[in-house]
Amino acid sequence: MTSLHIHVGLWTLLLLAFVISLILHRAGKPKGQKILHMVARLLYLLVLVSGLHLLGYVYHFQGVSPLIKGASGILVLIAMEMVLVRMEKGKSTAFGWIILIIALALVFYFGYAILGVK
């Protein structure tokens, strides 16, 4: 299995953990939501490490496009955490959602349209 497949698998699991955590919160199941939030935090780290590995191994930390994609990816992780934490505290999540949607669109655009699958 290549580094790219590992990275894609990890962020897929992260997106699932994020969505299920949102669903559990709306269903009023705080214990399950908190557990999945902690799983998401572990996945943030794994996605970050695998992404940095790809950035170094495949692109050698060179070029503007890979660096923009990497920065956008970090912004996705930050926005996900912001949405989950603010949701748990009962605060507005609108800003987090806006950042998440924009950053996620940039990641997919740079990852698939600009850089292509390697």
PDB file of N, CA and C in Angstrom:
ATOM      1  N   MET A   1       0.848  -1.182   0.000  1.00  0.00           N
ATOM      2  CA  MET A   1       0.000   0.000   0.000  1.00  0.00           C
ATOM      3  C   MET A   1       0.891   1.243   0.000  1.00  0.00           C
ATOM      4  N   THR A   2       0.589   2.182  -0.842  1.00  0.00           N
ATOM      5  CA  THR A   2       1.429   3.369  -0.961  1.00  0.00           C
ATOM      6  C   THR A   2       1.080   4.401   0.106  1.00  0.00           C
ATOM      7  N   SER A   3       1.963   5.378   0.240  1.00  0.00           N
ATOM      8  CA  SER A   3       1.740   6.462   1.200  1.00  0.00           C
ATOM      9  C   SER A   3       0.462   7.223   0.889  1.00  0.00           C
ATOM     10  N   LEU A   4       0.178   7.412  -0.394  1.00  0.00           N
ATOM     11  CA  LEU A   4      -1.030   8.127  -0.783  1.00  0.00           C
ATOM     12  C   LEU A   4      -2.283   7.379  -0.337  1.00  0.00           C
ATOM     13  N   HIS A   5      -2.291   6.041  -0.510  1.00  0.00           N
ATOM     14  CA  HIS A   5      -3.448   5.255  -0.099  1.00  0.00           C
ATOM     15  C   HIS A   5      -3.651   5.323   1.410  1.00  0.00           C
ATOM     16  N   ILE A   6      -2.565   5.294   2.143  1.00  0.00           N
ATOM     17  CA  ILE A   6      -2.660   5.409   3.607  1.00  0.00           C
ATOM     18  C   ILE A   6      -3.238   6.767   3.980  1.00  0.00           C
ATOM     19  N   HIS A   7      -2.729   7.821   3.348  1.00  0.00           N
ATOM     20  CA  HIS A   7      -3.201   9.172   3.641  1.00  0.00           C
ATOM     21  C   HIS A   7      -4.688   9.326   3.310  1.00  0.00           C
ATOM     22  N   VAL A   8      -5.093   8.848   2.141  1.00  0.00           N
ATOM     23  CA  VAL A   8      -6.501   8.942   1.734  1.00  0.00           C
ATOM     24  C   VAL A   8      -7.384   8.127   2.684  1.00  0.00           C
ATOM     25  N   GLY A   9      -6.931   6.952   3.059  1.00  0.00           N
ATOM     26  CA  GLY A   9      -7.688   6.135   4.014  1.00  0.00           C
ATOM     27  C   GLY A   9      -7.852   6.821   5.362  1.00  0.00           C
ATOM     28  N   LEU A  10      -6.784   7.468   5.830  1.00  0.00           N
ATOM     29  CA  LEU A  10      -6.849   8.159   7.117  1.00  0.00           C
ATOM     30  C   LEU A  10      -7.795   9.351   7.080  1.00  0.00           C
ATOM     31  N   TRP A  11      -7.731  10.172   6.003  1.00  0.00           N
ATOM     32  CA  TRP A  11      -8.636  11.318   6.004  1.00  0.00           C
ATOM     33  C   TRP A  11     -10.073  10.894   5.747  1.00  0.00           C
ATOM     34  N   THR A  12     -10.277   9.756   5.079  1.00  0.00           N
ATOM     35  CA  THR A  12     -11.632   9.230   4.924  1.00  0.00           C
ATOM     36  C   THR A  12     -12.192   8.832   6.287  1.00  0.00           C
ATOM     37  N   LEU A  13     -11.368   8.144   7.086  1.00  0.00           N
ATOM     38  CA  LEU A  13     -11.785   7.785   8.447  1.00  0.00           C
ATOM     39  C   LEU A  13     -12.043   9.033   9.286  1.00  0.00           C
ATOM     40  N   LEU A  14     -11.206  10.054   9.101  1.00  0.00           N
ATOM     41  CA  LEU A  14     -11.387  11.303   9.835  1.00  0.00           C
ATOM     42  C   LEU A  14     -12.711  11.965   9.471  1.00  0.00           C
ATOM     43  N   LEU A  15     -13.026  12.034   8.191  1.00  0.00           N
ATOM     44  CA  LEU A  15     -14.305  12.631   7.778  1.00  0.00           C
ATOM     45  C   LEU A  15     -15.489  11.848   8.345  1.00  0.00           C
ATOM     46  N   LEU A  16     -15.374  10.526   8.361  1.00  0.00           N
ATOM     47  CA  LEU A  16     -16.441   9.701   8.941  1.00  0.00           C
ATOM     48  C   LEU A  16     -16.584   9.967  10.437  1.00  0.00           C
ATOM     49  N   ALA A  17     -15.457  10.017  11.155  1.00  0.00           N
ATOM     50  CA  ALA A  17     -15.500  10.285  12.593  1.00  0.00           C
ATOM     51  C   ALA A  17     -16.104  11.654  12.862  1.00  0.00           C
ATOM     52  N   PHE A  18     -15.751  12.638  12.039  1.00  0.00           N
ATOM     53  CA  PHE A  18     -16.278  13.988  12.193  1.00  0.00           C
ATOM     54  C   PHE A  18     -17.797  14.002  11.992  1.00  0.00           C
ATOM     55  N   VAL A  19     -18.266  13.405  10.908  1.00  0.00           N
ATOM     56  CA  VAL A  19     -19.704  13.403  10.604  1.00  0.00           C
ATOM     57  C   VAL A  19     -20.483  12.619  11.664  1.00  0.00           C
ATOM     58  N   ILE A  20     -19.970  11.466  12.072  1.00  0.00           N
ATOM     59  CA  ILE A  20     -20.679  10.671  13.083  1.00  0.00           C
ATOM     60  C   ILE A  20     -20.689  11.402  14.423  1.00  0.00           C
ATOM     61  N   SER A  21     -19.615  12.110  14.736  1.00  0.00           N
ATOM     62  CA  SER A  21     -19.575  12.910  15.956  1.00  0.00           C
ATOM     63  C   SER A  21     -20.654  13.996  15.923  1.00  0.00           C
ATOM     64  N   LEU A  22     -20.822  14.641  14.775  1.00  0.00           N
ATOM     65  CA  LEU A  22     -21.886  15.644  14.623  1.00  0.00           C
ATOM     66  C   LEU A  22     -23.261  15.007  14.812  1.00  0.00           C
ATOM     67  N   ILE A  23     -23.463  13.849  14.216  1.00  0.00           N
ATOM     68  CA  ILE A  23     -24.751  13.150  14.315  1.00  0.00           C
ATOM     69  C   ILE A  23     -25.044  12.772  15.766  1.00  0.00           C
ATOM     70  N   LEU A  24     -24.039  12.249  16.468  1.00  0.00           N
ATOM     71  CA  LEU A  24     -24.237  11.862  17.861  1.00  0.00           C
ATOM     72  C   LEU A  24     -24.550  13.067  18.739  1.00  0.00           C
ATOM     73  N   HIS A  25     -23.922  14.194  18.448  1.00  0.00           N
ATOM     74  CA  HIS A  25     -24.215  15.397  19.227  1.00  0.00           C
ATOM     75  C   HIS A  25     -25.668  15.821  19.029  1.00  0.00           C
ATOM     76  N   ARG A  26     -26.118  15.823  17.782  1.00  0.00           N
ATOM     77  CA  ARG A  26     -27.498  16.218  17.493  1.00  0.00           C
ATOM     78  C   ARG A  26     -28.505  15.220  18.063  1.00  0.00           C
ATOM     79  N   ALA A  27     -28.076  13.952  18.214  1.00  0.00           N
ATOM     80  CA  ALA A  27     -28.958  12.927  18.767  1.00  0.00           C
ATOM     81  C   ALA A  27     -28.972  12.964  20.299  1.00  0.00           C
ATOM     82  N   GLY A  28     -28.155  13.829  20.889  1.00  0.00           N
ATOM     83  CA  GLY A  28     -28.130  13.948  22.347  1.00  0.00           C
ATOM     84  C   GLY A  28     -27.386  12.822  23.033  1.00  0.00           C
ATOM     85  N   LYS A  29     -26.334  12.324  22.402  1.00  0.00           N
ATOM     86  CA  LYS A  29     -25.523  11.248  22.980  1.00  0.00           C
ATOM     87  C   LYS A  29     -24.111  11.783  23.243  1.00  0.00           C
ATOM     88  N   PRO A  30     -23.940  12.515  24.349  1.00  0.00           N
ATOM     89  CA  PRO A  30     -22.660  13.189  24.589  1.00  0.00           C
ATOM     90  C   PRO A  30     -21.478  12.239  24.816  1.00  0.00           C
ATOM     91  N   LYS A  31     -21.731  11.070  25.416  1.00  0.00           N
ATOM     92  CA  LYS A  31     -20.627  10.145  25.684  1.00  0.00           C
ATOM     93  C   LYS A  31     -20.042   9.606  24.376  1.00  0.00           C
ATOM     94  N   GLY A  32     -20.894   9.148  23.485  1.00  0.00           N
ATOM     95  CA  GLY A  32     -20.439   8.635  22.192  1.00  0.00           C
ATOM     96  C   GLY A  32     -19.789   9.728  21.359  1.00  0.00           C
ATOM     97  N   GLN A  33     -20.363  10.932  21.435  1.00  0.00           N
ATOM     98  CA  GLN A  33     -19.808  12.055  20.692  1.00  0.00           C
ATOM     99  C   GLN A  33     -18.415  12.387  21.191  1.00  0.00           C
ATOM    100  N   LYS A  34     -18.227  12.372  22.501  1.00  0.00           N
ATOM    101  CA  LYS A  34     -16.919  12.696  23.073  1.00  0.00           C
ATOM    102  C   LYS A  34     -15.874  11.643  22.684  1.00  0.00           C
ATOM    103  N   ILE A  35     -16.278  10.383  22.666  1.00  0.00           N
ATOM    104  CA  ILE A  35     -15.362   9.313  22.269  1.00  0.00           C
ATOM    105  C   ILE A  35     -14.931   9.501  20.819  1.00  0.00           C
ATOM    106  N   LEU A  36     -15.889   9.766  19.934  1.00  0.00           N
ATOM    107  CA  LEU A  36     -15.542   9.967  18.519  1.00  0.00           C
ATOM    108  C   LEU A  36     -14.741  11.242  18.302  1.00  0.00           C
ATOM    109  N   HIS A  37     -14.964  12.243  19.144  1.00  0.00           N
ATOM    110  CA  HIS A  37     -14.162  13.463  19.057  1.00  0.00           C
ATOM    111  C   HIS A  37     -12.705  13.145  19.396  1.00  0.00           C
ATOM    112  N   MET A  38     -12.495  12.294  20.385  1.00  0.00           N
ATOM    113  CA  MET A  38     -11.121  11.901  20.738  1.00  0.00           C
ATOM    114  C   MET A  38     -10.492  11.054  19.626  1.00  0.00           C
ATOM    115  N   VAL A  39     -11.280  10.188  19.004  1.00  0.00           N
ATOM    116  CA  VAL A  39     -10.789   9.413  17.858  1.00  0.00           C
ATOM    117  C   VAL A  39     -10.412  10.367  16.721  1.00  0.00           C
ATOM    118  N   ALA A  40     -11.235  11.376  16.489  1.00  0.00           N
ATOM    119  CA  ALA A  40     -10.940  12.366  15.444  1.00  0.00           C
ATOM    120  C   ALA A  40      -9.628  13.077  15.747  1.00  0.00           C
ATOM    121  N   ARG A  41      -9.378  13.389  17.007  1.00  0.00           N
ATOM    122  CA  ARG A  41      -8.127  14.063  17.377  1.00  0.00           C
ATOM    123  C   ARG A  41      -6.911  13.182  17.078  1.00  0.00           C
ATOM    124  N   LEU A  42      -7.036  11.885  17.323  1.00  0.00           N
ATOM    125  CA  LEU A  42      -5.952  10.966  16.974  1.00  0.00           C
ATOM    126  C   LEU A  42      -5.769  10.936  15.455  1.00  0.00           C
ATOM    127  N   LEU A  43      -6.869  10.900  14.743  1.00  0.00           N
ATOM    128  CA  LEU A  43      -6.799  10.877  13.279  1.00  0.00           C
ATOM    129  C   LEU A  43      -6.228  12.174  12.717  1.00  0.00           C
ATOM    130  N   TYR A  44      -6.470  13.336  13.395  1.00  0.00           N
ATOM    131  CA  TYR A  44      -5.848  14.597  12.961  1.00  0.00           C
ATOM    132  C   TYR A  44      -4.339  14.426  12.899  1.00  0.00           C
ATOM    133  N   LEU A  45      -3.799  13.839  13.967  1.00  0.00           N
ATOM    134  CA  LEU A  45      -2.343  13.670  14.035  1.00  0.00           C
ATOM    135  C   LEU A  45      -1.839  12.725  12.947  1.00  0.00           C
ATOM    136  N   LEU A  46      -2.544  11.624  12.755  1.00  0.00           N
ATOM    137  CA  LEU A  46      -2.125  10.653  11.741  1.00  0.00           C
ATOM    138  C   LEU A  46      -2.223  11.227  10.335  1.00  0.00           C
ATOM    139  N   VAL A  47      -3.287  11.983  10.068  1.00  0.00           N
ATOM    140  CA  VAL A  47      -3.437  12.619   8.758  1.00  0.00           C
ATOM    141  C   VAL A  47      -2.323  13.651   8.560  1.00  0.00           C
ATOM    142  N   LEU A  48      -2.028  14.411   9.588  1.00  0.00           N
ATOM    143  CA  LEU A  48      -0.967  15.421   9.506  1.00  0.00           C
ATOM    144  C   LEU A  48       0.386  14.771   9.221  1.00  0.00           C
ATOM    145  N   VAL A  49       0.705  13.703   9.927  1.00  0.00           N
ATOM    146  CA  VAL A  49       1.986  13.018   9.717  1.00  0.00           C
ATOM    147  C   VAL A  49       2.049  12.407   8.322  1.00  0.00           C
ATOM    148  N   SER A  50       0.980  11.740   7.892  1.00  0.00           N
ATOM    149  CA  SER A  50       1.001  11.128   6.556  1.00  0.00           C
ATOM    150  C   SER A  50       1.045  12.196   5.461  1.00  0.00           C
ATOM    151  N   GLY A  51       0.382  13.329   5.681  1.00  0.00           N
ATOM    152  CA  GLY A  51       0.426  14.426   4.712  1.00  0.00           C
ATOM    153  C   GLY A  51       1.807  15.047   4.618  1.00  0.00           C
ATOM    154  N   LEU A  52       2.443  15.255   5.770  1.00  0.00           N
ATOM    155  CA  LEU A  52       3.808  15.782   5.763  1.00  0.00           C
ATOM    156  C   LEU A  52       4.768  14.811   5.093  1.00  0.00           C
ATOM    157  N   HIS A  53       4.537  13.516   5.313  1.00  0.00           N
ATOM    158  CA  HIS A  53       5.364  12.503   4.652  1.00  0.00           C
ATOM    159  C   HIS A  53       5.218  12.605   3.139  1.00  0.00           C
ATOM    160  N   LEU A  54       3.985  12.721   2.656  1.00  0.00           N
ATOM    161  CA  LEU A  54       3.762  12.869   1.213  1.00  0.00           C
ATOM    162  C   LEU A  54       4.393  14.143   0.680  1.00  0.00           C
ATOM    163  N   LEU A  55       4.240  15.226   1.416  1.00  0.00           N
ATOM    164  CA  LEU A  55       4.795  16.504   0.988  1.00  0.00           C
ATOM    165  C   LEU A  55       6.313  16.424   0.861  1.00  0.00           C
ATOM    166  N   GLY A  56       6.952  15.728   1.783  1.00  0.00           N
ATOM    167  CA  GLY A  56       8.408  15.585   1.726  1.00  0.00           C
ATOM    168  C   GLY A  56       8.867  14.525   0.744  1.00  0.00           C
ATOM    169  N   TYR A  57       8.217  13.375   0.753  1.00  0.00           N
ATOM    170  CA  TYR A  57       8.646  12.237  -0.050  1.00  0.00           C
ATOM    171  C   TYR A  57       8.341  12.435  -1.538  1.00  0.00           C
ATOM    172  N   VAL A  58       7.145  12.910  -1.850  1.00  0.00           N
ATOM    173  CA  VAL A  58       6.737  13.043  -3.249  1.00  0.00           C
ATOM    174  C   VAL A  58       7.165  14.383  -3.835  1.00  0.00           C
ATOM    175  N   TYR A  59       6.972  15.466  -3.069  1.00  0.00           N
ATOM    176  CA  TYR A  59       7.198  16.808  -3.612  1.00  0.00           C
ATOM    177  C   TYR A  59       8.461  17.485  -3.079  1.00  0.00           C
ATOM    178  N   HIS A  60       9.125  16.848  -2.116  1.00  0.00           N
ATOM    179  CA  HIS A  60      10.375  17.371  -1.547  1.00  0.00           C
ATOM    180  C   HIS A  60      10.218  18.805  -1.032  1.00  0.00           C
ATOM    181  N   PHE A  61       9.033  19.113  -0.516  1.00  0.00           N
ATOM    182  CA  PHE A  61       8.710  20.435   0.034  1.00  0.00           C
ATOM    183  C   PHE A  61       8.985  21.558  -0.961  1.00  0.00           C
ATOM    184  N   GLN A  62       8.812  21.270  -2.258  1.00  0.00           N
ATOM    185  CA  GLN A  62       9.057  22.273  -3.292  1.00  0.00           C
ATOM    186  C   GLN A  62       7.797  22.496  -4.108  1.00  0.00           C
ATOM    187  N   GLY A  63       7.674  23.684  -4.627  1.00  0.00           N
ATOM    188  CA  GLY A  63       6.521  24.032  -5.454  1.00  0.00           C
ATOM    189  C   GLY A  63       5.443  24.702  -4.626  1.00  0.00           C
ATOM    190  N   VAL A  64       4.756  25.619  -5.257  1.00  0.00           N
ATOM    191  CA  VAL A  64       3.715  26.380  -4.563  1.00  0.00           C
ATOM    192  C   VAL A  64       2.462  25.537  -4.352  1.00  0.00           C
ATOM    193  N   SER A  65       2.054  24.785  -5.340  1.00  0.00           N
ATOM    194  CA  SER A  65       0.809  24.020  -5.253  1.00  0.00           C
ATOM    195  C   SER A  65       0.807  22.999  -4.117  1.00  0.00           C
ATOM    196  N   PRO A  66       1.862  22.185  -3.969  1.00  0.00           N
ATOM    197  CA  PRO A  66       1.856  21.245  -2.844  1.00  0.00           C
ATOM    198  C   PRO A  66       1.833  21.958  -1.487  1.00  0.00           C
ATOM    199  N   LEU A  67       2.499  23.098  -1.396  1.00  0.00           N
ATOM    200  CA  LEU A  67       2.517  23.826  -0.130  1.00  0.00           C
ATOM    201  C   LEU A  67       1.150  24.449   0.170  1.00  0.00           C
ATOM    202  N   ILE A  68       0.461  24.942  -0.866  1.00  0.00           N
ATOM    203  CA  ILE A  68      -0.889  25.475  -0.664  1.00  0.00           C
ATOM    204  C   ILE A  68      -1.829  24.356  -0.234  1.00  0.00           C
ATOM    205  N   LYS A  69      -1.693  23.202  -0.863  1.00  0.00           N
ATOM    206  CA  LYS A  69      -2.534  22.068  -0.487  1.00  0.00           C
ATOM    207  C   LYS A  69      -2.258  21.657   0.957  1.00  0.00           C
ATOM    208  N   GLY A  70      -0.993  21.623   1.340  1.00  0.00           N
ATOM    209  CA  GLY A  70      -0.636  21.268   2.714  1.00  0.00           C
ATOM    210  C   GLY A  70      -1.191  22.261   3.725  1.00  0.00           C
ATOM    211  N   ALA A  71      -1.053  23.549   3.416  1.00  0.00           N
ATOM    212  CA  ALA A  71      -1.581  24.584   4.320  1.00  0.00           C
ATOM    213  C   ALA A  71      -3.105  24.502   4.396  1.00  0.00           C
ATOM    214  N   SER A  72      -3.741  24.239   3.280  1.00  0.00           N
ATOM    215  CA  SER A  72      -5.201  24.095   3.269  1.00  0.00           C
ATOM    216  C   SER A  72      -5.625  22.871   4.078  1.00  0.00           C
ATOM    217  N   GLY A  73      -4.846  21.801   3.978  1.00  0.00           N
ATOM    218  CA  GLY A  73      -5.135  20.601   4.751  1.00  0.00           C
ATOM    219  C   GLY A  73      -5.060  20.858   6.247  1.00  0.00           C
ATOM    220  N   ILE A  74      -4.055  21.619   6.664  1.00  0.00           N
ATOM    221  CA  ILE A  74      -3.941  21.972   8.084  1.00  0.00           C
ATOM    222  C   ILE A  74      -5.123  22.835   8.497  1.00  0.00           C
ATOM    223  N   LEU A  75      -5.550  23.733   7.625  1.00  0.00           N
ATOM    224  CA  LEU A  75      -6.711  24.575   7.912  1.00  0.00           C
ATOM    225  C   LEU A  75      -7.985  23.734   8.046  1.00  0.00           C
ATOM    226  N   VAL A  76      -8.094  22.665   7.268  1.00  0.00           N
ATOM    227  CA  VAL A  76      -9.239  21.752   7.397  1.00  0.00           C
ATOM    228  C   VAL A  76      -9.257  21.134   8.792  1.00  0.00           C
ATOM    229  N   LEU A  77      -8.101  20.673   9.250  1.00  0.00           N
ATOM    230  CA  LEU A  77      -8.021  20.048  10.572  1.00  0.00           C
ATOM    231  C   LEU A  77      -8.399  21.046  11.670  1.00  0.00           C
ATOM    232  N   ILE A  78      -7.896  22.266  11.558  1.00  0.00           N
ATOM    233  CA  ILE A  78      -8.196  23.304  12.545  1.00  0.00           C
ATOM    234  C   ILE A  78      -9.693  23.619  12.545  1.00  0.00           C
ATOM    235  N   ALA A  79     -10.282  23.744  11.356  1.00  0.00           N
ATOM    236  CA  ALA A  79     -11.707  24.071  11.260  1.00  0.00           C
ATOM    237  C   ALA A  79     -12.579  22.944  11.802  1.00  0.00           C
ATOM    238  N   MET A  80     -12.197  21.692  11.543  1.00  0.00           N
ATOM    239  CA  MET A  80     -12.960  20.561  12.087  1.00  0.00           C
ATOM    240  C   MET A  80     -12.967  20.609  13.614  1.00  0.00           C
ATOM    241  N   GLU A  81     -11.799  20.833  14.176  1.00  0.00           N
ATOM    242  CA  GLU A  81     -11.701  20.894  15.632  1.00  0.00           C
ATOM    243  C   GLU A  81     -12.507  22.079  16.165  1.00  0.00           C
ATOM    244  N   MET A  82     -12.441  23.210  15.466  1.00  0.00           N
ATOM    245  CA  MET A  82     -13.189  24.391  15.897  1.00  0.00           C
ATOM    246  C   MET A  82     -14.695  24.107  15.899  1.00  0.00           C
ATOM    247  N   VAL A  83     -15.181  23.465  14.863  1.00  0.00           N
ATOM    248  CA  VAL A  83     -16.610  23.151  14.779  1.00  0.00           C
ATOM    249  C   VAL A  83     -17.014  22.219  15.916  1.00  0.00           C
ATOM    250  N   LEU A  84     -16.236  21.163  16.147  1.00  0.00           N
ATOM    251  CA  LEU A  84     -16.601  20.202  17.193  1.00  0.00           C
ATOM    252  C   LEU A  84     -16.560  20.829  18.585  1.00  0.00           C
ATOM    253  N   VAL A  85     -15.533  21.598  18.881  1.00  0.00           N
ATOM    254  CA  VAL A  85     -15.400  22.200  20.211  1.00  0.00           C
ATOM    255  C   VAL A  85     -16.500  23.235  20.446  1.00  0.00           C
ATOM    256  N   ARG A  86     -16.721  24.118  19.474  1.00  0.00           N
ATOM    257  CA  ARG A  86     -17.745  25.156  19.644  1.00  0.00           C
ATOM    258  C   ARG A  86     -19.144  24.536  19.717  1.00  0.00           C
ATOM    259  N   MET A  87     -19.352  23.438  18.998  1.00  0.00           N
ATOM    260  CA  MET A  87     -20.629  22.751  19.060  1.00  0.00           C
ATOM    261  C   MET A  87     -20.859  22.178  20.460  1.00  0.00           C
ATOM    262  N   GLU A  88     -19.824  21.570  21.040  1.00  0.00           N
ATOM    263  CA  GLU A  88     -19.928  21.009  22.386  1.00  0.00           C
ATOM    264  C   GLU A  88     -20.213  22.091  23.417  1.00  0.00           C
ATOM    265  N   LYS A  89     -19.658  23.277  23.209  1.00  0.00           N
ATOM    266  CA  LYS A  89     -19.853  24.384  24.155  1.00  0.00           C
ATOM    267  C   LYS A  89     -21.149  25.145  23.900  1.00  0.00           C
ATOM    268  N   GLY A  90     -21.854  24.810  22.833  1.00  0.00           N
ATOM    269  CA  GLY A  90     -23.107  25.476  22.524  1.00  0.00           C
ATOM    270  C   GLY A  90     -22.934  26.851  21.902  1.00  0.00           C
ATOM    271  N   LYS A  91     -21.774  27.098  21.315  1.00  0.00           N
ATOM    272  CA  LYS A  91     -21.508  28.384  20.676  1.00  0.00           C
ATOM    273  C   LYS A  91     -21.735  28.278  19.170  1.00  0.00           C
ATOM    274  N   SER A  92     -21.755  29.421  18.508  1.00  0.00           N
ATOM    275  CA  SER A  92     -21.970  29.458  17.059  1.00  0.00           C
ATOM    276  C   SER A  92     -20.811  28.785  16.315  1.00  0.00           C
ATOM    277  N   THR A  93     -21.152  27.972  15.335  1.00  0.00           N
ATOM    278  CA  THR A  93     -20.144  27.266  14.541  1.00  0.00           C
ATOM    279  C   THR A  93     -20.064  27.776  13.107  1.00  0.00           C
ATOM    280  N   ALA A  94     -20.758  28.863  12.799  1.00  0.00           N
ATOM    281  CA  ALA A  94     -20.845  29.350  11.418  1.00  0.00           C
ATOM    282  C   ALA A  94     -19.474  29.652  10.821  1.00  0.00           C
ATOM    283  N   PHE A  95     -18.622  30.357  11.561  1.00  0.00           N
ATOM    284  CA  PHE A  95     -17.296  30.699  11.049  1.00  0.00           C
ATOM    285  C   PHE A  95     -16.474  29.438  10.780  1.00  0.00           C
ATOM    286  N   GLY A  96     -16.536  28.466  11.678  1.00  0.00           N
ATOM    287  CA  GLY A  96     -15.818  27.208  11.492  1.00  0.00           C
ATOM    288  C   GLY A  96     -16.269  26.463  10.255  1.00  0.00           C
ATOM    289  N   TRP A  97     -17.587  26.451  10.026  1.00  0.00           N
ATOM    290  CA  TRP A  97     -18.123  25.785   8.834  1.00  0.00           C
ATOM    291  C   TRP A  97     -17.665  26.476   7.562  1.00  0.00           C
ATOM    292  N   ILE A  98     -17.652  27.799   7.565  1.00  0.00           N
ATOM    293  CA  ILE A  98     -17.208  28.540   6.372  1.00  0.00           C
ATOM    294  C   ILE A  98     -15.761  28.207   6.057  1.00  0.00           C
ATOM    295  N   ILE A  99     -14.909  28.260   7.068  1.00  0.00           N
ATOM    296  CA  ILE A  99     -13.488  27.937   6.886  1.00  0.00           C
ATOM    297  C   ILE A  99     -13.331  26.490   6.426  1.00  0.00           C
ATOM    298  N   LEU A 100     -14.076  25.586   7.043  1.00  0.00           N
ATOM    299  CA  LEU A 100     -13.983  24.162   6.688  1.00  0.00           C
ATOM    300  C   LEU A 100     -14.363  23.926   5.229  1.00  0.00           C
ATOM    301  N   ILE A 101     -15.451  24.505   4.780  1.00  0.00           N
ATOM    302  CA  ILE A 101     -15.910  24.293   3.403  1.00  0.00           C
ATOM    303  C   ILE A 101     -14.918  24.870   2.396  1.00  0.00           C
ATOM    304  N   ILE A 102     -14.432  26.077   2.656  1.00  0.00           N
ATOM    305  CA  ILE A 102     -13.461  26.698   1.736  1.00  0.00           C
ATOM    306  C   ILE A 102     -12.161  25.904   1.708  1.00  0.00           C
ATOM    307  N   ALA A 103     -11.654  25.554   2.882  1.00  0.00           N
ATOM    308  CA  ALA A 103     -10.382  24.823   2.951  1.00  0.00           C
ATOM    309  C   ALA A 103     -10.512  23.433   2.328  1.00  0.00           C
ATOM    310  N   LEU A 104     -11.628  22.759   2.574  1.00  0.00           N
ATOM    311  CA  LEU A 104     -11.831  21.430   1.996  1.00  0.00           C
ATOM    312  C   LEU A 104     -11.912  21.502   0.475  1.00  0.00           C
ATOM    313  N   ALA A 105     -12.584  22.537  -0.040  1.00  0.00           N
ATOM    314  CA  ALA A 105     -12.654  22.722  -1.500  1.00  0.00           C
ATOM    315  C   ALA A 105     -11.257  22.952  -2.072  1.00  0.00           C
ATOM    316  N   LEU A 106     -10.434  23.755  -1.386  1.00  0.00           N
ATOM    317  CA  LEU A 106      -9.056  23.982  -1.843  1.00  0.00           C
ATOM    318  C   LEU A 106      -8.242  22.698  -1.829  1.00  0.00           C
ATOM    319  N   VAL A 107      -8.389  21.904  -0.779  1.00  0.00           N
ATOM    320  CA  VAL A 107      -7.641  20.641  -0.679  1.00  0.00           C
ATOM    321  C   VAL A 107      -8.002  19.715  -1.828  1.00  0.00           C
ATOM    322  N   PHE A 108      -9.293  19.547  -2.082  1.00  0.00           N
ATOM    323  CA  PHE A 108      -9.695  18.654  -3.173  1.00  0.00           C
ATOM    324  C   PHE A 108      -9.272  19.213  -4.529  1.00  0.00           C
ATOM    325  N   TYR A 109      -9.398  20.520  -4.705  1.00  0.00           N
ATOM    326  CA  TYR A 109      -9.010  21.121  -5.972  1.00  0.00           C
ATOM    327  C   TYR A 109      -7.512  20.945  -6.226  1.00  0.00           C
ATOM    328  N   PHE A 110      -6.690  21.314  -5.256  1.00  0.00           N
ATOM    329  CA  PHE A 110      -5.246  21.184  -5.445  1.00  0.00           C
ATOM    330  C   PHE A 110      -4.811  19.728  -5.464  1.00  0.00           C
ATOM    331  N   GLY A 111      -5.467  18.891  -4.682  1.00  0.00           N
ATOM    332  CA  GLY A 111      -5.081  17.485  -4.616  1.00  0.00           C
ATOM    333  C   GLY A 111      -5.387  16.700  -5.876  1.00  0.00           C
ATOM    334  N   TYR A 112      -6.531  16.977  -6.472  1.00  0.00           N
ATOM    335  CA  TYR A 112      -6.943  16.175  -7.623  1.00  0.00           C
ATOM    336  C   TYR A 112      -6.830  16.900  -8.951  1.00  0.00           C
ATOM    337  N   ALA A 113      -7.208  18.183  -9.015  1.00  0.00           N
ATOM    338  CA  ALA A 113      -7.186  18.904 -10.288  1.00  0.00           C
ATOM    339  C   ALA A 113      -5.807  19.425 -10.628  1.00  0.00           C
ATOM    340  N   ILE A 114      -5.105  19.981  -9.673  1.00  0.00           N
ATOM    341  CA  ILE A 114      -3.799  20.596  -9.939  1.00  0.00           C
ATOM    342  C   ILE A 114      -2.666  19.562  -9.857  1.00  0.00           C
ATOM    343  N   LEU A 115      -2.566  18.892  -8.719  1.00  0.00           N
ATOM    344  CA  LEU A 115      -1.452  17.962  -8.529  1.00  0.00           C
ATOM    345  C   LEU A 115      -1.720  16.583  -9.139  1.00  0.00           C
ATOM    346  N   GLY A 116      -2.962  16.189  -9.213  1.00  0.00           N
ATOM    347  CA  GLY A 116      -3.290  14.878  -9.750  1.00  0.00           C
ATOM    348  C   GLY A 116      -2.901  13.790  -8.776  1.00  0.00           C
ATOM    349  N   VAL A 117      -3.431  12.624  -8.992  1.00  0.00           N
ATOM    350  CA  VAL A 117      -3.119  11.492  -8.130  1.00  0.00           C
ATOM    351  C   VAL A 117      -1.796  10.902  -8.586  1.00  0.00           C
ATOM    352  N   LYS A 118      -0.869  10.789  -7.651  1.00  0.00           N
ATOM    353  CA  LYS A 118       0.446  10.245  -7.978  1.00  0.00           C
ATOM    354  C   LYS A 118       0.555   8.824  -7.507  1.00  0.00           C
TER     355      LYS A 118
END
